[in-house]
Amino acid sequence: MRHYETLFVLKPTLTDEEKKAKFDFIKEVIENNGGEIVATEDVGVRKLAYPIQKFERGHYYIIYFKAPSETVRELERIYRITEDVIRFLTIKYETNKDIRAWEKMVERAKKLSGQASEEKAEA
């Protein structure tokens, strides 16, 4: 099992339910192909560096996971055929230094998601 980080950008015109459905679908693809999701991060809507398909903004998501390399091939195939994904990037962490950095990012994502769920509970 290797360590990966995948970032994908969804169209900003999707409803919250559609965004959640796409995010859950991507998580299912990883899990159904032998991957283990360690942490997720909903970065939110951000301005794109340049227009993509006439969109100026996009909704960013990050998933940190461990998986065999075949999982990444299937994940990227799904990204390419999903019309609502306007950009994606998958990074593999190989060296011990890279893996330590990956673990720090996972801890940060877990803390952020913990804070977000606490805020939702308070509201």
PDB file of N, CA and C in Angstrom:
ATOM      1  N   MET A   1       0.839  -1.180   0.000  1.00  0.00           N
ATOM      2  CA  MET A   1       0.000   0.000   0.000  1.00  0.00           C
ATOM      3  C   MET A   1       0.881   1.238   0.000  1.00  0.00           C
ATOM      4  N   ARG A   2       0.581   2.128  -0.895  1.00  0.00           N
ATOM      5  CA  ARG A   2       1.335   3.377  -0.991  1.00  0.00           C
ATOM      6  C   ARG A   2       0.494   4.527  -0.476  1.00  0.00           C
ATOM      7  N   HIS A   3       1.163   5.633  -0.175  1.00  0.00           N
ATOM      8  CA  HIS A   3       0.490   6.818   0.357  1.00  0.00           C
ATOM      9  C   HIS A   3       0.206   7.784  -0.791  1.00  0.00           C
ATOM     10  N   TYR A   4      -1.044   8.271  -0.846  1.00  0.00           N
ATOM     11  CA  TYR A   4      -1.455   9.180  -1.906  1.00  0.00           C
ATOM     12  C   TYR A   4      -2.260  10.349  -1.346  1.00  0.00           C
ATOM     13  N   GLU A   5      -2.258  11.400  -2.132  1.00  0.00           N
ATOM     14  CA  GLU A   5      -3.122  12.555  -1.891  1.00  0.00           C
ATOM     15  C   GLU A   5      -3.764  12.874  -3.230  1.00  0.00           C
ATOM     16  N   THR A   6      -5.062  13.029  -3.243  1.00  0.00           N
ATOM     17  CA  THR A   6      -5.727  13.423  -4.481  1.00  0.00           C
ATOM     18  C   THR A   6      -6.539  14.682  -4.223  1.00  0.00           C
ATOM     19  N   LEU A   7      -6.418  15.609  -5.135  1.00  0.00           N
ATOM     20  CA  LEU A   7      -7.161  16.858  -5.076  1.00  0.00           C
ATOM     21  C   LEU A   7      -8.010  16.914  -6.334  1.00  0.00           C
ATOM     22  N   PHE A   8      -9.279  17.266  -6.176  1.00  0.00           N
ATOM     23  CA  PHE A   8     -10.112  17.448  -7.370  1.00  0.00           C
ATOM     24  C   PHE A   8     -10.993  18.668  -7.192  1.00  0.00           C
ATOM     25  N   VAL A   9     -11.333  19.270  -8.327  1.00  0.00           N
ATOM     26  CA  VAL A   9     -12.125  20.503  -8.349  1.00  0.00           C
ATOM     27  C   VAL A   9     -13.433  20.210  -9.070  1.00  0.00           C
ATOM     28  N   LEU A  10     -14.531  20.511  -8.377  1.00  0.00           N
ATOM     29  CA  LEU A  10     -15.856  20.333  -8.969  1.00  0.00           C
ATOM     30  C   LEU A  10     -16.389  21.658  -9.489  1.00  0.00           C
ATOM     31  N   LYS A  11     -17.292  21.574 -10.441  1.00  0.00           N
ATOM     32  CA  LYS A  11     -17.932  22.773 -10.979  1.00  0.00           C
ATOM     33  C   LYS A  11     -18.648  23.524  -9.860  1.00  0.00           C
ATOM     34  N   PRO A  12     -18.561  24.855  -9.849  1.00  0.00           N
ATOM     35  CA  PRO A  12     -19.204  25.627  -8.778  1.00  0.00           C
ATOM     36  C   PRO A  12     -20.721  25.710  -8.928  1.00  0.00           C
ATOM     37  N   THR A  13     -21.258  25.285 -10.043  1.00  0.00           N
ATOM     38  CA  THR A  13     -22.697  25.385 -10.285  1.00  0.00           C
ATOM     39  C   THR A  13     -23.481  24.239  -9.663  1.00  0.00           C
ATOM     40  N   LEU A  14     -22.810  23.244  -9.103  1.00  0.00           N
ATOM     41  CA  LEU A  14     -23.491  22.104  -8.501  1.00  0.00           C
ATOM     42  C   LEU A  14     -24.139  22.507  -7.174  1.00  0.00           C
ATOM     43  N   THR A  15     -25.245  21.858  -6.846  1.00  0.00           N
ATOM     44  CA  THR A  15     -25.875  22.091  -5.546  1.00  0.00           C
ATOM     45  C   THR A  15     -25.068  21.368  -4.471  1.00  0.00           C
ATOM     46  N   ASP A  16     -25.340  21.692  -3.212  1.00  0.00           N
ATOM     47  CA  ASP A  16     -24.626  21.042  -2.111  1.00  0.00           C
ATOM     48  C   ASP A  16     -24.842  19.530  -2.124  1.00  0.00           C
ATOM     49  N   GLU A  17     -26.055  19.097  -2.442  1.00  0.00           N
ATOM     50  CA  GLU A  17     -26.346  17.663  -2.489  1.00  0.00           C
ATOM     51  C   GLU A  17     -25.554  16.983  -3.607  1.00  0.00           C
ATOM     52  N   GLU A  18     -25.470  17.642  -4.768  1.00  0.00           N
ATOM     53  CA  GLU A  18     -24.707  17.081  -5.884  1.00  0.00           C
ATOM     54  C   GLU A  18     -23.217  17.010  -5.556  1.00  0.00           C
ATOM     55  N   LYS A  19     -22.691  18.050  -4.905  1.00  0.00           N
ATOM     56  CA  LYS A  19     -21.280  18.043  -4.515  1.00  0.00           C
ATOM     57  C   LYS A  19     -20.996  16.915  -3.545  1.00  0.00           C
ATOM     58  N   LYS A  20     -21.878  16.748  -2.555  1.00  0.00           N
ATOM     59  CA  LYS A  20     -21.691  15.679  -1.575  1.00  0.00           C
ATOM     60  C   LYS A  20     -21.767  14.315  -2.257  1.00  0.00           C
ATOM     61  N   ALA A  21     -22.695  14.151  -3.188  1.00  0.00           N
ATOM     62  CA  ALA A  21     -22.835  12.888  -3.906  1.00  0.00           C
ATOM     63  C   ALA A  21     -21.571  12.571  -4.718  1.00  0.00           C
ATOM     64  N   LYS A  22     -21.016  13.567  -5.395  1.00  0.00           N
ATOM     65  CA  LYS A  22     -19.781  13.358  -6.182  1.00  0.00           C
ATOM     66  C   LYS A  22     -18.611  13.015  -5.269  1.00  0.00           C
ATOM     67  N   PHE A  23     -18.512  13.727  -4.135  1.00  0.00           N
ATOM     68  CA  PHE A  23     -17.442  13.476  -3.166  1.00  0.00           C
ATOM     69  C   PHE A  23     -17.554  12.054  -2.613  1.00  0.00           C
ATOM     70  N   ASP A  24     -18.771  11.646  -2.244  1.00  0.00           N
ATOM     71  CA  ASP A  24     -18.980  10.292  -1.732  1.00  0.00           C
ATOM     72  C   ASP A  24     -18.694   9.241  -2.800  1.00  0.00           C
ATOM     73  N   PHE A  25     -19.030   9.539  -4.046  1.00  0.00           N
ATOM     74  CA  PHE A  25     -18.760   8.617  -5.144  1.00  0.00           C
ATOM     75  C   PHE A  25     -17.254   8.403  -5.313  1.00  0.00           C
ATOM     76  N   ILE A  26     -16.479   9.478  -5.258  1.00  0.00           N
ATOM     77  CA  ILE A  26     -15.018   9.369  -5.393  1.00  0.00           C
ATOM     78  C   ILE A  26     -14.455   8.552  -4.229  1.00  0.00           C
ATOM     79  N   LYS A  27     -14.964   8.780  -3.019  1.00  0.00           N
ATOM     80  CA  LYS A  27     -14.520   7.993  -1.865  1.00  0.00           C
ATOM     81  C   LYS A  27     -14.842   6.512  -2.065  1.00  0.00           C
ATOM     82  N   GLU A  28     -16.018   6.212  -2.606  1.00  0.00           N
ATOM     83  CA  GLU A  28     -16.407   4.825  -2.876  1.00  0.00           C
ATOM     84  C   GLU A  28     -15.471   4.174  -3.883  1.00  0.00           C
ATOM     85  N   VAL A  29     -15.086   4.920  -4.925  1.00  0.00           N
ATOM     86  CA  VAL A  29     -14.178   4.378  -5.943  1.00  0.00           C
ATOM     87  C   VAL A  29     -12.874   3.950  -5.281  1.00  0.00           C
ATOM     88  N   ILE A  30     -12.349   4.780  -4.400  1.00  0.00           N
ATOM     89  CA  ILE A  30     -11.094   4.457  -3.717  1.00  0.00           C
ATOM     90  C   ILE A  30     -11.276   3.209  -2.855  1.00  0.00           C
ATOM     91  N   GLU A  31     -12.324   3.173  -2.053  1.00  0.00           N
ATOM     92  CA  GLU A  31     -12.541   2.055  -1.131  1.00  0.00           C
ATOM     93  C   GLU A  31     -12.864   0.759  -1.870  1.00  0.00           C
ATOM     94  N   ASN A  32     -13.632   0.833  -2.946  1.00  0.00           N
ATOM     95  CA  ASN A  32     -14.008  -0.371  -3.685  1.00  0.00           C
ATOM     96  C   ASN A  32     -12.848  -0.964  -4.481  1.00  0.00           C
ATOM     97  N   ASN A  33     -11.784  -0.206  -4.661  1.00  0.00           N
ATOM     98  CA  ASN A  33     -10.624  -0.689  -5.401  1.00  0.00           C
ATOM     99  C   ASN A  33      -9.435  -0.956  -4.485  1.00  0.00           C
ATOM    100  N   GLY A  34      -9.708  -1.257  -3.227  1.00  0.00           N
ATOM    101  CA  GLY A  34      -8.653  -1.673  -2.311  1.00  0.00           C
ATOM    102  C   GLY A  34      -7.968  -0.554  -1.559  1.00  0.00           C
ATOM    103  N   GLY A  35      -8.490   0.656  -1.627  1.00  0.00           N
ATOM    104  CA  GLY A  35      -7.880   1.780  -0.933  1.00  0.00           C
ATOM    105  C   GLY A  35      -8.450   1.991   0.453  1.00  0.00           C
ATOM    106  N   GLU A  36      -7.684   2.678   1.280  1.00  0.00           N
ATOM    107  CA  GLU A  36      -8.118   3.010   2.635  1.00  0.00           C
ATOM    108  C   GLU A  36      -8.015   4.521   2.795  1.00  0.00           C
ATOM    109  N   ILE A  37      -9.155   5.184   3.001  1.00  0.00           N
ATOM    110  CA  ILE A  37      -9.164   6.634   3.173  1.00  0.00           C
ATOM    111  C   ILE A  37      -8.750   6.956   4.596  1.00  0.00           C
ATOM    112  N   VAL A  38      -7.744   7.820   4.728  1.00  0.00           N
ATOM    113  CA  VAL A  38      -7.213   8.169   6.039  1.00  0.00           C
ATOM    114  C   VAL A  38      -7.806   9.492   6.516  1.00  0.00           C
ATOM    115  N   ALA A  39      -7.929  10.467   5.616  1.00  0.00           N
ATOM    116  CA  ALA A  39      -8.492  11.772   5.976  1.00  0.00           C
ATOM    117  C   ALA A  39      -9.036  12.441   4.719  1.00  0.00           C
ATOM    118  N   THR A  40      -9.988  13.344   4.934  1.00  0.00           N
ATOM    119  CA  THR A  40     -10.535  14.132   3.830  1.00  0.00           C
ATOM    120  C   THR A  40     -10.579  15.586   4.254  1.00  0.00           C
ATOM    121  N   GLU A  41     -10.583  16.443   3.257  1.00  0.00           N
ATOM    122  CA  GLU A  41     -10.638  17.877   3.535  1.00  0.00           C
ATOM    123  C   GLU A  41     -11.500  18.556   2.472  1.00  0.00           C
ATOM    124  N   ASP A  42     -12.496  19.293   2.925  1.00  0.00           N
ATOM    125  CA  ASP A  42     -13.335  20.088   2.039  1.00  0.00           C
ATOM    126  C   ASP A  42     -12.784  21.505   2.102  1.00  0.00           C
ATOM    127  N   VAL A  43     -12.021  21.888   1.082  1.00  0.00           N
ATOM    128  CA  VAL A  43     -11.349  23.187   1.079  1.00  0.00           C
ATOM    129  C   VAL A  43     -12.340  24.305   0.788  1.00  0.00           C
ATOM    130  N   GLY A  44     -13.382  23.999   0.022  1.00  0.00           N
ATOM    131  CA  GLY A  44     -14.398  24.991  -0.289  1.00  0.00           C
ATOM    132  C   GLY A  44     -14.222  25.591  -1.675  1.00  0.00           C
ATOM    133  N   VAL A  45     -15.004  26.610  -1.944  1.00  0.00           N
ATOM    134  CA  VAL A  45     -14.973  27.266  -3.256  1.00  0.00           C
ATOM    135  C   VAL A  45     -13.814  28.260  -3.276  1.00  0.00           C
ATOM    136  N   ARG A  46     -12.996  28.158  -4.306  1.00  0.00           N
ATOM    137  CA  ARG A  46     -11.833  29.032  -4.470  1.00  0.00           C
ATOM    138  C   ARG A  46     -11.786  29.561  -5.901  1.00  0.00           C
ATOM    139  N   LYS A  47     -11.101  30.670  -6.049  1.00  0.00           N
ATOM    140  CA  LYS A  47     -10.896  31.231  -7.381  1.00  0.00           C
ATOM    141  C   LYS A  47      -9.830  30.397  -8.092  1.00  0.00           C
ATOM    142  N   LEU A  48     -10.080  30.077  -9.337  1.00  0.00           N
ATOM    143  CA  LEU A  48      -9.119  29.322 -10.139  1.00  0.00           C
ATOM    144  C   LEU A  48      -8.031  30.256 -10.645  1.00  0.00           C
ATOM    145  N   ALA A  49      -6.851  29.719 -10.890  1.00  0.00           N
ATOM    146  CA  ALA A  49      -5.743  30.521 -11.395  1.00  0.00           C
ATOM    147  C   ALA A  49      -6.051  31.057 -12.796  1.00  0.00           C
ATOM    148  N   TYR A  50      -6.815  30.287 -13.555  1.00  0.00           N
ATOM    149  CA  TYR A  50      -7.230  30.692 -14.900  1.00  0.00           C
ATOM    150  C   TYR A  50      -8.567  30.018 -15.185  1.00  0.00           C
ATOM    151  N   PRO A  51      -9.363  30.582 -16.074  1.00  0.00           N
ATOM    152  CA  PRO A  51     -10.676  29.986 -16.355  1.00  0.00           C
ATOM    153  C   PRO A  51     -10.543  28.579 -16.939  1.00  0.00           C
ATOM    154  N   ILE A  52     -11.377  27.675 -16.446  1.00  0.00           N
ATOM    155  CA  ILE A  52     -11.436  26.302 -16.950  1.00  0.00           C
ATOM    156  C   ILE A  52     -12.876  26.050 -17.354  1.00  0.00           C
ATOM    157  N   GLN A  53     -13.103  25.711 -18.607  1.00  0.00           N
ATOM    158  CA  GLN A  53     -14.454  25.484 -19.135  1.00  0.00           C
ATOM    159  C   GLN A  53     -15.371  26.662 -18.811  1.00  0.00           C
ATOM    160  N   LYS A  54     -14.832  27.861 -18.891  1.00  0.00           N
ATOM    161  CA  LYS A  54     -15.526  29.126 -18.644  1.00  0.00           C
ATOM    162  C   LYS A  54     -15.892  29.351 -17.171  1.00  0.00           C
ATOM    163  N   PHE A  55     -15.351  28.539 -16.266  1.00  0.00           N
ATOM    164  CA  PHE A  55     -15.577  28.732 -14.829  1.00  0.00           C
ATOM    165  C   PHE A  55     -14.415  29.503 -14.232  1.00  0.00           C
ATOM    166  N   GLU A  56     -14.735  30.488 -13.399  1.00  0.00           N
ATOM    167  CA  GLU A  56     -13.718  31.283 -12.706  1.00  0.00           C
ATOM    168  C   GLU A  56     -13.413  30.714 -11.321  1.00  0.00           C
ATOM    169  N   ARG A  57     -14.353  29.920 -10.782  1.00  0.00           N
ATOM    170  CA  ARG A  57     -14.216  29.366  -9.435  1.00  0.00           C
ATOM    171  C   ARG A  57     -14.467  27.867  -9.473  1.00  0.00           C
ATOM    172  N   GLY A  58     -14.067  27.174  -8.421  1.00  0.00           N
ATOM    173  CA  GLY A  58     -14.303  25.742  -8.319  1.00  0.00           C
ATOM    174  C   GLY A  58     -14.337  25.318  -6.866  1.00  0.00           C
ATOM    175  N   HIS A  59     -14.984  24.200  -6.583  1.00  0.00           N
ATOM    176  CA  HIS A  59     -15.058  23.665  -5.217  1.00  0.00           C
ATOM    177  C   HIS A  59     -13.985  22.588  -5.081  1.00  0.00           C
ATOM    178  N   TYR A  60     -13.041  22.822  -4.170  1.00  0.00           N
ATOM    179  CA  TYR A  60     -11.876  21.952  -3.994  1.00  0.00           C
ATOM    180  C   TYR A  60     -12.108  20.926  -2.891  1.00  0.00           C
ATOM    181  N   TYR A  61     -11.669  19.692  -3.139  1.00  0.00           N
ATOM    182  CA  TYR A  61     -11.684  18.615  -2.154  1.00  0.00           C
ATOM    183  C   TYR A  61     -10.327  17.920  -2.179  1.00  0.00           C
ATOM    184  N   ILE A  62      -9.882  17.457  -0.995  1.00  0.00           N
ATOM    185  CA  ILE A  62      -8.635  16.703  -0.897  1.00  0.00           C
ATOM    186  C   ILE A  62      -8.935  15.414  -0.139  1.00  0.00           C
ATOM    187  N   ILE A  63      -8.386  14.298  -0.639  1.00  0.00           N
ATOM    188  CA  ILE A  63      -8.524  13.014   0.043  1.00  0.00           C
ATOM    189  C   ILE A  63      -7.122  12.432   0.217  1.00  0.00           C
ATOM    190  N   TYR A  64      -6.784  12.060   1.445  1.00  0.00           N
ATOM    191  CA  TYR A  64      -5.526  11.381   1.745  1.00  0.00           C
ATOM    192  C   TYR A  64      -5.854   9.903   1.911  1.00  0.00           C
ATOM    193  N   PHE A  65      -5.130   9.039   1.188  1.00  0.00           N
ATOM    194  CA  PHE A  65      -5.460   7.618   1.258  1.00  0.00           C
ATOM    195  C   PHE A  65      -4.239   6.744   1.011  1.00  0.00           C
ATOM    196  N   LYS A  66      -4.384   5.461   1.377  1.00  0.00           N
ATOM    197  CA  LYS A  66      -3.380   4.432   1.109  1.00  0.00           C
ATOM    198  C   LYS A  66      -4.027   3.450   0.159  1.00  0.00           C
ATOM    199  N   ALA A  67      -3.287   3.051  -0.870  1.00  0.00           N
ATOM    200  CA  ALA A  67      -3.883   2.149  -1.850  1.00  0.00           C
ATOM    201  C   ALA A  67      -2.812   1.548  -2.753  1.00  0.00           C
ATOM    202  N   PRO A  68      -3.143   0.444  -3.431  1.00  0.00           N
ATOM    203  CA  PRO A  68      -2.253  -0.067  -4.480  1.00  0.00           C
ATOM    204  C   PRO A  68      -2.342   0.829  -5.713  1.00  0.00           C
ATOM    205  N   SER A  69      -1.366   0.731  -6.588  1.00  0.00           N
ATOM    206  CA  SER A  69      -1.305   1.632  -7.741  1.00  0.00           C
ATOM    207  C   SER A  69      -2.483   1.457  -8.708  1.00  0.00           C
ATOM    208  N   GLU A  70      -3.081   0.264  -8.754  1.00  0.00           N
ATOM    209  CA  GLU A  70      -4.229   0.045  -9.645  1.00  0.00           C
ATOM    210  C   GLU A  70      -5.403   0.938  -9.251  1.00  0.00           C
ATOM    211  N   THR A  71      -5.515   1.231  -7.970  1.00  0.00           N
ATOM    212  CA  THR A  71      -6.599   2.094  -7.488  1.00  0.00           C
ATOM    213  C   THR A  71      -6.480   3.488  -8.092  1.00  0.00           C
ATOM    214  N   VAL A  72      -5.269   3.991  -8.177  1.00  0.00           N
ATOM    215  CA  VAL A  72      -5.057   5.334  -8.723  1.00  0.00           C
ATOM    216  C   VAL A  72      -5.416   5.365 -10.206  1.00  0.00           C
ATOM    217  N   ARG A  73      -5.073   4.309 -10.927  1.00  0.00           N
ATOM    218  CA  ARG A  73      -5.431   4.253 -12.346  1.00  0.00           C
ATOM    219  C   ARG A  73      -6.952   4.319 -12.526  1.00  0.00           C
ATOM    220  N   GLU A  74      -7.673   3.554 -11.720  1.00  0.00           N
ATOM    221  CA  GLU A  74      -9.135   3.557 -11.813  1.00  0.00           C
ATOM    222  C   GLU A  74      -9.707   4.903 -11.381  1.00  0.00           C
ATOM    223  N   LEU A  75      -9.148   5.490 -10.328  1.00  0.00           N
ATOM    224  CA  LEU A  75      -9.609   6.789  -9.845  1.00  0.00           C
ATOM    225  C   LEU A  75      -9.447   7.856 -10.922  1.00  0.00           C
ATOM    226  N   GLU A  76      -8.310   7.896 -11.560  1.00  0.00           N
ATOM    227  CA  GLU A  76      -8.075   8.904 -12.607  1.00  0.00           C
ATOM    228  C   GLU A  76      -8.942   8.648 -13.834  1.00  0.00           C
ATOM    229  N   ARG A  77      -9.249   7.391 -14.121  1.00  0.00           N
ATOM    230  CA  ARG A  77     -10.167   7.081 -15.216  1.00  0.00           C
ATOM    231  C   ARG A  77     -11.551   7.649 -14.896  1.00  0.00           C
ATOM    232  N   ILE A  78     -11.989   7.490 -13.651  1.00  0.00           N
ATOM    233  CA  ILE A  78     -13.287   8.012 -13.219  1.00  0.00           C
ATOM    234  C   ILE A  78     -13.297   9.540 -13.290  1.00  0.00           C
ATOM    235  N   TYR A  79     -12.194  10.173 -12.848  1.00  0.00           N
ATOM    236  CA  TYR A  79     -12.105  11.638 -12.938  1.00  0.00           C
ATOM    237  C   TYR A  79     -12.307  12.100 -14.381  1.00  0.00           C
ATOM    238  N   ARG A  80     -11.653  11.416 -15.317  1.00  0.00           N
ATOM    239  CA  ARG A  80     -11.702  11.845 -16.719  1.00  0.00           C
ATOM    240  C   ARG A  80     -13.097  11.732 -17.329  1.00  0.00           C
ATOM    241  N   ILE A  81     -13.879  10.745 -16.888  1.00  0.00           N
ATOM    242  CA  ILE A  81     -15.208  10.564 -17.491  1.00  0.00           C
ATOM    243  C   ILE A  81     -16.318  11.256 -16.708  1.00  0.00           C
ATOM    244  N   THR A  82     -15.984  11.844 -15.554  1.00  0.00           N
ATOM    245  CA  THR A  82     -16.980  12.571 -14.759  1.00  0.00           C
ATOM    246  C   THR A  82     -16.981  14.029 -15.200  1.00  0.00           C
ATOM    247  N   GLU A  83     -18.067  14.463 -15.787  1.00  0.00           N
ATOM    248  CA  GLU A  83     -18.145  15.816 -16.353  1.00  0.00           C
ATOM    249  C   GLU A  83     -18.051  16.914 -15.302  1.00  0.00           C
ATOM    250  N   ASP A  84     -18.471  16.633 -14.084  1.00  0.00           N
ATOM    251  CA  ASP A  84     -18.491  17.663 -13.050  1.00  0.00           C
ATOM    252  C   ASP A  84     -17.114  17.921 -12.434  1.00  0.00           C
ATOM    253  N   VAL A  85     -16.142  17.057 -12.695  1.00  0.00           N
ATOM    254  CA  VAL A  85     -14.771  17.269 -12.226  1.00  0.00           C
ATOM    255  C   VAL A  85     -14.042  18.070 -13.302  1.00  0.00           C
ATOM    256  N   ILE A  86     -13.644  19.310 -12.961  1.00  0.00           N
ATOM    257  CA  ILE A  86     -12.996  20.141 -13.972  1.00  0.00           C
ATOM    258  C   ILE A  86     -11.472  20.048 -13.922  1.00  0.00           C
ATOM    259  N   ARG A  87     -10.902  19.629 -12.790  1.00  0.00           N
ATOM    260  CA  ARG A  87      -9.459  19.408 -12.679  1.00  0.00           C
ATOM    261  C   ARG A  87      -9.204  18.408 -11.568  1.00  0.00           C
ATOM    262  N   PHE A  88      -8.093  17.664 -11.673  1.00  0.00           N
ATOM    263  CA  PHE A  88      -7.705  16.743 -10.614  1.00  0.00           C
ATOM    264  C   PHE A  88      -6.192  16.577 -10.618  1.00  0.00           C
ATOM    265  N   LEU A  89      -5.683  16.155  -9.473  1.00  0.00           N
ATOM    266  CA  LEU A  89      -4.248  15.911  -9.307  1.00  0.00           C
ATOM    267  C   LEU A  89      -4.085  14.842  -8.246  1.00  0.00           C
ATOM    268  N   THR A  90      -3.272  13.834  -8.533  1.00  0.00           N
ATOM    269  CA  THR A  90      -2.980  12.787  -7.556  1.00  0.00           C
ATOM    270  C   THR A  90      -1.479  12.752  -7.351  1.00  0.00           C
ATOM    271  N   ILE A  91      -1.063  12.750  -6.086  1.00  0.00           N
ATOM    272  CA  ILE A  91       0.356  12.767  -5.732  1.00  0.00           C
ATOM    273  C   ILE A  91       0.683  11.505  -4.949  1.00  0.00           C
ATOM    274  N   LYS A  92       1.795  10.849  -5.311  1.00  0.00           N
ATOM    275  CA  LYS A  92       2.260   9.663  -4.595  1.00  0.00           C
ATOM    276  C   LYS A  92       3.426  10.062  -3.696  1.00  0.00           C
ATOM    277  N   TYR A  93       3.391   9.627  -2.445  1.00  0.00           N
ATOM    278  CA  TYR A  93       4.465   9.903  -1.494  1.00  0.00           C
ATOM    279  C   TYR A  93       5.276   8.628  -1.320  1.00  0.00           C
ATOM    280  N   GLU A  94       6.588   8.688  -1.665  1.00  0.00           N
ATOM    281  CA  GLU A  94       7.400   7.473  -1.664  1.00  0.00           C
ATOM    282  C   GLU A  94       8.476   7.443  -0.578  1.00  0.00           C
ATOM    283  N   THR A  95       9.253   8.496  -0.446  1.00  0.00           N
ATOM    284  CA  THR A  95      10.375   8.471   0.484  1.00  0.00           C
ATOM    285  C   THR A  95       9.884   8.637   1.924  1.00  0.00           C
ATOM    286  N   ASN A  96      10.729   8.278   2.865  1.00  0.00           N
ATOM    287  CA  ASN A  96      10.357   8.415   4.280  1.00  0.00           C
ATOM    288  C   ASN A  96      10.049   9.862   4.623  1.00  0.00           C
ATOM    289  N   LYS A  97      10.813  10.783   4.057  1.00  0.00           N
ATOM    290  CA  LYS A  97      10.575  12.208   4.301  1.00  0.00           C
ATOM    291  C   LYS A  97       9.204  12.615   3.772  1.00  0.00           C
ATOM    292  N   ASP A  98       8.871  12.152   2.558  1.00  0.00           N
ATOM    293  CA  ASP A  98       7.567  12.453   1.972  1.00  0.00           C
ATOM    294  C   ASP A  98       6.434  11.871   2.809  1.00  0.00           C
ATOM    295  N   ILE A  99       6.623  10.646   3.298  1.00  0.00           N
ATOM    296  CA  ILE A  99       5.574   9.990   4.079  1.00  0.00           C
ATOM    297  C   ILE A  99       5.352  10.721   5.405  1.00  0.00           C
ATOM    298  N   ARG A 100       6.435  11.214   6.021  1.00  0.00           N
ATOM    299  CA  ARG A 100       6.288  11.997   7.253  1.00  0.00           C
ATOM    300  C   ARG A 100       5.501  13.282   6.972  1.00  0.00           C
ATOM    301  N   ALA A 101       5.782  13.929   5.850  1.00  0.00           N
ATOM    302  CA  ALA A 101       5.042  15.134   5.469  1.00  0.00           C
ATOM    303  C   ALA A 101       3.569  14.789   5.228  1.00  0.00           C
ATOM    304  N   TRP A 102       3.317  13.657   4.582  1.00  0.00           N
ATOM    305  CA  TRP A 102       1.944  13.194   4.329  1.00  0.00           C
ATOM    306  C   TRP A 102       1.213  12.999   5.646  1.00  0.00           C
ATOM    307  N   GLU A 103       1.883  12.373   6.634  1.00  0.00           N
ATOM    308  CA  GLU A 103       1.266  12.139   7.941  1.00  0.00           C
ATOM    309  C   GLU A 103       0.929  13.445   8.646  1.00  0.00           C
ATOM    310  N   LYS A 104       1.789  14.459   8.509  1.00  0.00           N
ATOM    311  CA  LYS A 104       1.500  15.768   9.103  1.00  0.00           C
ATOM    312  C   LYS A 104       0.275  16.398   8.456  1.00  0.00           C
ATOM    313  N   MET A 105       0.176  16.282   7.128  1.00  0.00           N
ATOM    314  CA  MET A 105      -0.986  16.840   6.422  1.00  0.00           C
ATOM    315  C   MET A 105      -2.269  16.112   6.827  1.00  0.00           C
ATOM    316  N   VAL A 106      -2.166  14.798   7.042  1.00  0.00           N
ATOM    317  CA  VAL A 106      -3.328  14.019   7.475  1.00  0.00           C
ATOM    318  C   VAL A 106      -3.786  14.494   8.850  1.00  0.00           C
ATOM    319  N   GLU A 107      -2.843  14.694   9.758  1.00  0.00           N
ATOM    320  CA  GLU A 107      -3.195  15.175  11.101  1.00  0.00           C
ATOM    321  C   GLU A 107      -3.868  16.547  11.031  1.00  0.00           C
ATOM    322  N   ARG A 108      -3.338  17.425  10.179  1.00  0.00           N
ATOM    323  CA  ARG A 108      -3.921  18.758  10.014  1.00  0.00           C
ATOM    324  C   ARG A 108      -5.348  18.652   9.477  1.00  0.00           C
ATOM    325  N   ALA A 109      -5.543  17.786   8.479  1.00  0.00           N
ATOM    326  CA  ALA A 109      -6.875  17.608   7.889  1.00  0.00           C
ATOM    327  C   ALA A 109      -7.849  17.048   8.919  1.00  0.00           C
ATOM    328  N   LYS A 110      -7.385  16.121   9.751  1.00  0.00           N
ATOM    329  CA  LYS A 110      -8.256  15.552  10.780  1.00  0.00           C
ATOM    330  C   LYS A 110      -8.648  16.611  11.801  1.00  0.00           C
ATOM    331  N   LYS A 111      -7.700  17.466  12.180  1.00  0.00           N
ATOM    332  CA  LYS A 111      -8.004  18.539  13.125  1.00  0.00           C
ATOM    333  C   LYS A 111      -9.017  19.505  12.525  1.00  0.00           C
ATOM    334  N   LEU A 112      -8.811  19.879  11.261  1.00  0.00           N
ATOM    335  CA  LEU A 112      -9.736  20.808  10.602  1.00  0.00           C
ATOM    336  C   LEU A 112     -11.128  20.211  10.471  1.00  0.00           C
ATOM    337  N   SER A 113     -11.208  18.933  10.118  1.00  0.00           N
ATOM    338  CA  SER A 113     -12.526  18.310   9.977  1.00  0.00           C
ATOM    339  C   SER A 113     -13.181  18.150  11.342  1.00  0.00           C
ATOM    340  N   GLY A 114     -12.386  17.944  12.395  1.00  0.00           N
ATOM    341  CA  GLY A 114     -12.930  17.873  13.755  1.00  0.00           C
ATOM    342  C   GLY A 114     -13.494  19.207  14.188  1.00  0.00           C
ATOM    343  N   GLN A 115     -12.802  20.285  13.859  1.00  0.00           N
ATOM    344  CA  GLN A 115     -13.288  21.622  14.184  1.00  0.00           C
ATOM    345  C   GLN A 115     -14.552  21.937  13.407  1.00  0.00           C
ATOM    346  N   ALA A 116     -14.595  21.539  12.141  1.00  0.00           N
ATOM    347  CA  ALA A 116     -15.773  21.815  11.317  1.00  0.00           C
ATOM    348  C   ALA A 116     -16.985  21.074  11.857  1.00  0.00           C
ATOM    349  N   SER A 117     -16.817  19.819  12.286  1.00  0.00           N
ATOM    350  CA  SER A 117     -17.962  19.061  12.800  1.00  0.00           C
ATOM    351  C   SER A 117     -18.421  19.629  14.151  1.00  0.00           C
ATOM    352  N   GLU A 118     -17.482  20.152  14.957  1.00  0.00           N
ATOM    353  CA  GLU A 118     -17.864  20.789  16.218  1.00  0.00           C
ATOM    354  C   GLU A 118     -18.670  22.055  15.958  1.00  0.00           C
ATOM    355  N   GLU A 119     -18.268  22.838  14.948  1.00  0.00           N
ATOM    356  CA  GLU A 119     -18.989  24.063  14.613  1.00  0.00           C
ATOM    357  C   GLU A 119     -20.394  23.751  14.124  1.00  0.00           C
ATOM    358  N   LYS A 120     -20.533  22.672  13.323  1.00  0.00           N
ATOM    359  CA  LYS A 120     -21.860  22.284  12.831  1.00  0.00           C
ATOM    360  C   LYS A 120     -22.743  21.853  13.999  1.00  0.00           C
ATOM    361  N   ALA A 121     -22.164  21.145  14.968  1.00  0.00           N
ATOM    362  CA  ALA A 121     -22.940  20.686  16.116  1.00  0.00           C
ATOM    363  C   ALA A 121     -23.427  21.868  16.955  1.00  0.00           C
ATOM    364  N   GLU A 122     -22.599  22.910  17.067  1.00  0.00           N
ATOM    365  CA  GLU A 122     -22.975  24.083  17.843  1.00  0.00           C
ATOM    366  C   GLU A 122     -24.089  24.883  17.152  1.00  0.00           C
ATOM    367  N   ALA A 123     -24.095  24.885  15.817  1.00  0.00           N
ATOM    368  CA  ALA A 123     -25.080  25.662  15.068  1.00  0.00           C
ATOM    369  C   ALA A 123     -26.412  24.996  15.051  1.00  0.00           C
TER     370      ALA A 123
END
